[in-house]
């Protein structure tokens, strides 16, 4: 099976979408646990930690097949410095 080159626009779109979903779910659970009017109020740090882990997993599932899921810019910079990622792709 031959590798298919994915256009840069699609790669950027899926990175954005994966990051968006991760932040939406992660911050949503923090709001749920923190706000007194919500059903999850007082859920505690275990709920927040588990939900953030699941949020990262969802972001990776979305972006991973297209970009390798560099949802954190530090991952991209680290891979570029190690020579495992093209420097021309760091800015986009």
N, C-alpha and C. Protein backbone atom coordinates (compact mmCIF):
# COMPACT_ATOMS: atom_id res chain seq x y z
N UNK A 1 0.83 -1.18 0.00
CA UNK A 1 0.00 0.00 0.00
C UNK A 1 0.88 1.24 0.00
N UNK A 2 0.57 2.17 -0.87
CA UNK A 2 1.37 3.37 -1.04
C UNK A 2 0.93 4.48 -0.07
N UNK A 3 1.89 5.20 0.49
CA UNK A 3 1.57 6.31 1.38
C UNK A 3 1.01 7.48 0.58
N UNK A 4 -0.02 8.11 1.11
CA UNK A 4 -0.67 9.24 0.44
C UNK A 4 -0.26 10.51 1.17
N UNK A 5 0.18 11.51 0.41
CA UNK A 5 0.56 12.80 0.98
C UNK A 5 -0.70 13.61 1.26
N UNK A 6 -0.87 14.04 2.49
CA UNK A 6 -2.04 14.81 2.90
C UNK A 6 -1.71 16.29 2.76
N UNK A 7 -2.58 17.08 2.11
CA UNK A 7 -2.32 18.51 1.94
C UNK A 7 -2.15 19.23 3.28
N UNK A 8 -1.33 20.26 3.29
CA UNK A 8 -1.02 21.00 4.52
C UNK A 8 -2.27 21.61 5.13
N UNK A 9 -3.21 22.06 4.29
CA UNK A 9 -4.44 22.64 4.81
C UNK A 9 -5.21 21.60 5.63
N UNK A 10 -5.32 20.38 5.12
CA UNK A 10 -6.03 19.33 5.85
C UNK A 10 -5.32 18.97 7.15
N UNK A 11 -4.00 18.94 7.12
CA UNK A 11 -3.25 18.65 8.33
C UNK A 11 -3.51 19.72 9.39
N UNK A 12 -3.46 20.99 8.98
CA UNK A 12 -3.72 22.08 9.92
C UNK A 12 -5.15 22.03 10.44
N UNK A 13 -6.09 21.71 9.56
CA UNK A 13 -7.49 21.62 9.97
C UNK A 13 -7.69 20.53 11.03
N UNK A 14 -7.11 19.36 10.82
CA UNK A 14 -7.29 18.28 11.79
C UNK A 14 -6.54 18.54 13.09
N UNK A 15 -5.41 19.22 13.04
CA UNK A 15 -4.73 19.63 14.27
C UNK A 15 -5.61 20.61 15.05
N UNK A 16 -6.21 21.58 14.33
CA UNK A 16 -7.10 22.54 14.97
C UNK A 16 -8.30 21.83 15.58
N UNK A 17 -8.91 20.93 14.82
CA UNK A 17 -10.10 20.22 15.29
C UNK A 17 -9.78 19.35 16.50
N UNK A 18 -8.68 18.64 16.48
CA UNK A 18 -8.28 17.81 17.62
C UNK A 18 -8.01 18.64 18.86
N UNK A 19 -7.32 19.78 18.69
CA UNK A 19 -7.05 20.66 19.81
C UNK A 19 -8.34 21.27 20.34
N UNK A 20 -9.24 21.65 19.43
CA UNK A 20 -10.52 22.23 19.82
C UNK A 20 -11.33 21.26 20.68
N UNK A 21 -11.43 20.02 20.24
CA UNK A 21 -12.19 19.02 20.99
C UNK A 21 -11.54 18.76 22.35
N UNK A 22 -10.22 18.67 22.37
CA UNK A 22 -9.52 18.43 23.63
C UNK A 22 -9.80 19.55 24.63
N UNK A 23 -9.67 20.80 24.21
CA UNK A 23 -9.90 21.94 25.10
C UNK A 23 -11.36 22.03 25.51
N UNK A 24 -12.28 21.81 24.56
CA UNK A 24 -13.70 21.88 24.86
C UNK A 24 -14.09 20.87 25.93
N UNK A 25 -13.67 19.62 25.77
CA UNK A 25 -14.03 18.59 26.75
C UNK A 25 -13.31 18.80 28.08
N UNK A 26 -12.03 19.14 28.03
CA UNK A 26 -11.26 19.32 29.26
C UNK A 26 -11.75 20.50 30.09
N UNK A 27 -11.95 21.63 29.45
CA UNK A 27 -12.44 22.80 30.18
C UNK A 27 -13.90 22.62 30.59
N UNK A 28 -14.64 21.86 29.80
CA UNK A 28 -16.04 21.59 30.15
C UNK A 28 -16.16 20.81 31.44
N UNK A 29 -15.30 19.83 31.65
CA UNK A 29 -15.39 19.07 32.89
C UNK A 29 -14.93 19.90 34.08
N UNK A 30 -13.97 20.77 33.88
CA UNK A 30 -13.54 21.65 34.98
C UNK A 30 -14.67 22.59 35.36
N UNK A 31 -15.38 23.11 34.36
CA UNK A 31 -16.53 23.97 34.64
C UNK A 31 -17.62 23.19 35.36
N UNK A 32 -17.86 21.97 34.93
CA UNK A 32 -18.90 21.14 35.55
C UNK A 32 -18.60 20.86 37.02
N UNK A 33 -17.36 20.56 37.32
CA UNK A 33 -16.98 20.24 38.70
C UNK A 33 -16.93 21.49 39.57
N UNK A 34 -16.67 22.65 38.96
CA UNK A 34 -16.46 23.89 39.73
C UNK A 34 -17.72 24.71 39.95
N UNK A 35 -18.67 24.66 39.03
CA UNK A 35 -19.84 25.53 39.11
C UNK A 35 -20.92 24.94 40.01
N UNK A 36 -21.39 25.74 40.96
CA UNK A 36 -22.32 25.25 41.97
C UNK A 36 -23.66 24.78 41.40
N UNK A 37 -24.10 25.34 40.28
CA UNK A 37 -25.40 24.96 39.72
C UNK A 37 -25.36 23.70 38.86
N UNK A 38 -24.20 23.11 38.66
CA UNK A 38 -24.10 21.95 37.77
C UNK A 38 -24.29 20.65 38.55
N UNK A 39 -24.63 19.60 37.83
CA UNK A 39 -24.84 18.28 38.47
C UNK A 39 -23.52 17.64 38.90
N UNK A 40 -22.40 18.08 38.34
CA UNK A 40 -21.12 17.50 38.69
C UNK A 40 -20.37 18.27 39.75
N UNK A 41 -21.01 19.25 40.38
CA UNK A 41 -20.33 20.10 41.35
C UNK A 41 -19.71 19.25 42.46
N UNK A 42 -18.46 19.52 42.74
CA UNK A 42 -17.76 18.82 43.81
C UNK A 42 -17.28 17.43 43.42
N UNK A 43 -17.19 17.17 42.13
CA UNK A 43 -16.77 15.86 41.65
C UNK A 43 -15.36 15.48 42.08
N UNK A 44 -14.51 16.47 42.23
CA UNK A 44 -13.16 16.21 42.72
C UNK A 44 -12.12 16.07 41.62
N UNK A 45 -10.89 15.94 42.08
CA UNK A 45 -9.76 15.92 41.15
C UNK A 45 -9.70 14.64 40.34
N UNK A 46 -10.24 13.54 40.85
CA UNK A 46 -10.21 12.28 40.10
C UNK A 46 -11.06 12.42 38.84
N UNK A 47 -12.22 13.04 38.97
CA UNK A 47 -13.10 13.25 37.82
C UNK A 47 -12.42 14.14 36.79
N UNK A 48 -11.81 15.22 37.26
CA UNK A 48 -11.14 16.17 36.35
C UNK A 48 -9.98 15.47 35.64
N UNK A 49 -9.17 14.73 36.37
CA UNK A 49 -8.01 14.06 35.78
C UNK A 49 -8.42 13.02 34.76
N UNK A 50 -9.39 12.20 35.10
CA UNK A 50 -9.86 11.17 34.18
C UNK A 50 -10.47 11.79 32.93
N UNK A 51 -11.27 12.83 33.10
CA UNK A 51 -11.91 13.47 31.95
C UNK A 51 -10.89 14.17 31.06
N UNK A 52 -9.87 14.79 31.64
CA UNK A 52 -8.83 15.42 30.81
C UNK A 52 -8.07 14.36 30.02
N UNK A 53 -7.83 13.22 30.63
CA UNK A 53 -7.18 12.12 29.90
C UNK A 53 -8.03 11.65 28.74
N UNK A 54 -9.32 11.52 28.94
CA UNK A 54 -10.22 11.13 27.86
C UNK A 54 -10.31 12.22 26.79
N UNK A 55 -10.24 13.49 27.21
CA UNK A 55 -10.27 14.60 26.25
C UNK A 55 -9.04 14.56 25.34
N UNK A 56 -7.88 14.30 25.92
CA UNK A 56 -6.66 14.19 25.12
C UNK A 56 -6.77 13.01 24.16
N UNK A 57 -7.31 11.89 24.65
CA UNK A 57 -7.49 10.72 23.80
C UNK A 57 -8.39 11.04 22.61
N UNK A 58 -9.49 11.75 22.84
CA UNK A 58 -10.39 12.12 21.74
C UNK A 58 -9.68 13.02 20.73
N UNK A 59 -8.91 13.98 21.21
CA UNK A 59 -8.15 14.84 20.30
C UNK A 59 -7.14 14.07 19.47
N UNK A 60 -6.49 13.09 20.08
CA UNK A 60 -5.52 12.26 19.37
C UNK A 60 -6.22 11.37 18.35
N UNK A 61 -7.38 10.84 18.70
CA UNK A 61 -8.13 10.01 17.75
C UNK A 61 -8.54 10.81 16.53
N UNK A 62 -8.83 12.10 16.70
CA UNK A 62 -9.25 12.94 15.58
C UNK A 62 -8.06 13.32 14.71
N UNK A 63 -6.98 13.80 15.32
CA UNK A 63 -5.84 14.33 14.56
C UNK A 63 -4.80 13.28 14.22
N UNK A 64 -4.71 12.23 14.98
CA UNK A 64 -3.65 11.24 14.84
C UNK A 64 -3.48 10.64 13.45
N UNK A 65 -4.54 10.15 12.82
CA UNK A 65 -4.36 9.53 11.51
C UNK A 65 -3.85 10.48 10.41
N UNK A 66 -4.02 11.77 10.60
CA UNK A 66 -3.67 12.74 9.57
C UNK A 66 -2.36 13.46 9.83
N UNK A 67 -2.02 13.69 11.12
CA UNK A 67 -0.86 14.52 11.42
C UNK A 67 0.10 13.92 12.43
N UNK A 68 -0.28 12.88 13.10
CA UNK A 68 0.54 12.35 14.19
C UNK A 68 0.14 12.96 15.53
N UNK A 69 -0.85 13.82 15.52
CA UNK A 69 -1.45 14.42 16.73
C UNK A 69 -0.45 15.21 17.56
N UNK A 70 0.12 16.24 16.98
CA UNK A 70 0.98 17.17 17.73
C UNK A 70 0.08 18.23 18.35
N UNK A 71 -0.78 17.86 19.26
CA UNK A 71 -1.73 18.79 19.85
C UNK A 71 -1.04 19.83 20.72
N UNK A 72 0.15 19.53 21.18
CA UNK A 72 0.93 20.44 22.00
C UNK A 72 2.11 20.95 21.16
N UNK A 73 2.26 22.27 21.02
CA UNK A 73 3.37 22.79 20.23
C UNK A 73 4.74 22.33 20.73
N UNK A 74 4.85 22.01 22.01
CA UNK A 74 6.12 21.53 22.53
C UNK A 74 6.51 20.19 21.91
N UNK A 75 5.52 19.37 21.59
CA UNK A 75 5.80 18.09 20.93
C UNK A 75 6.38 18.34 19.55
N UNK A 76 5.79 19.27 18.82
CA UNK A 76 6.26 19.59 17.47
C UNK A 76 7.69 20.13 17.52
N UNK A 77 7.96 21.07 18.42
CA UNK A 77 9.31 21.63 18.53
C UNK A 77 10.32 20.57 18.96
N UNK A 78 9.95 19.73 19.90
CA UNK A 78 10.85 18.68 20.35
C UNK A 78 11.20 17.70 19.23
N UNK A 79 10.19 17.29 18.46
CA UNK A 79 10.45 16.38 17.34
C UNK A 79 11.29 17.05 16.26
N UNK A 80 11.05 18.33 16.01
CA UNK A 80 11.85 19.05 15.00
C UNK A 80 13.31 19.16 15.46
N UNK A 81 13.53 19.45 16.74
CA UNK A 81 14.90 19.55 17.25
C UNK A 81 15.61 18.20 17.23
N UNK A 82 14.85 17.13 17.39
CA UNK A 82 15.44 15.79 17.35
C UNK A 82 15.65 15.29 15.92
N UNK A 83 15.18 16.06 14.94
CA UNK A 83 15.35 15.69 13.54
C UNK A 83 14.33 14.69 13.03
N UNK A 84 13.25 14.51 13.76
CA UNK A 84 12.22 13.56 13.36
C UNK A 84 11.00 14.23 12.73
N UNK A 85 11.05 15.56 12.58
CA UNK A 85 9.94 16.30 12.00
C UNK A 85 10.53 17.44 11.19
N UNK A 86 9.98 17.68 10.03
CA UNK A 86 10.48 18.71 9.11
C UNK A 86 10.27 20.10 9.69
N UNK A 87 11.34 20.92 9.73
CA UNK A 87 11.25 22.28 10.25
C UNK A 87 10.29 23.14 9.44
N UNK A 88 10.12 22.84 8.18
CA UNK A 88 9.20 23.61 7.34
C UNK A 88 7.74 23.43 7.74
N UNK A 89 7.45 22.39 8.49
CA UNK A 89 6.08 22.14 8.94
C UNK A 89 5.80 22.65 10.36
N UNK A 90 6.80 23.23 11.02
CA UNK A 90 6.62 23.66 12.40
C UNK A 90 5.68 24.86 12.49
N UNK A 91 5.85 25.86 11.68
CA UNK A 91 5.01 27.07 11.76
C UNK A 91 3.55 26.76 11.41
N UNK A 92 3.25 26.09 10.32
CA UNK A 92 1.83 25.80 10.06
C UNK A 92 1.22 24.92 11.12
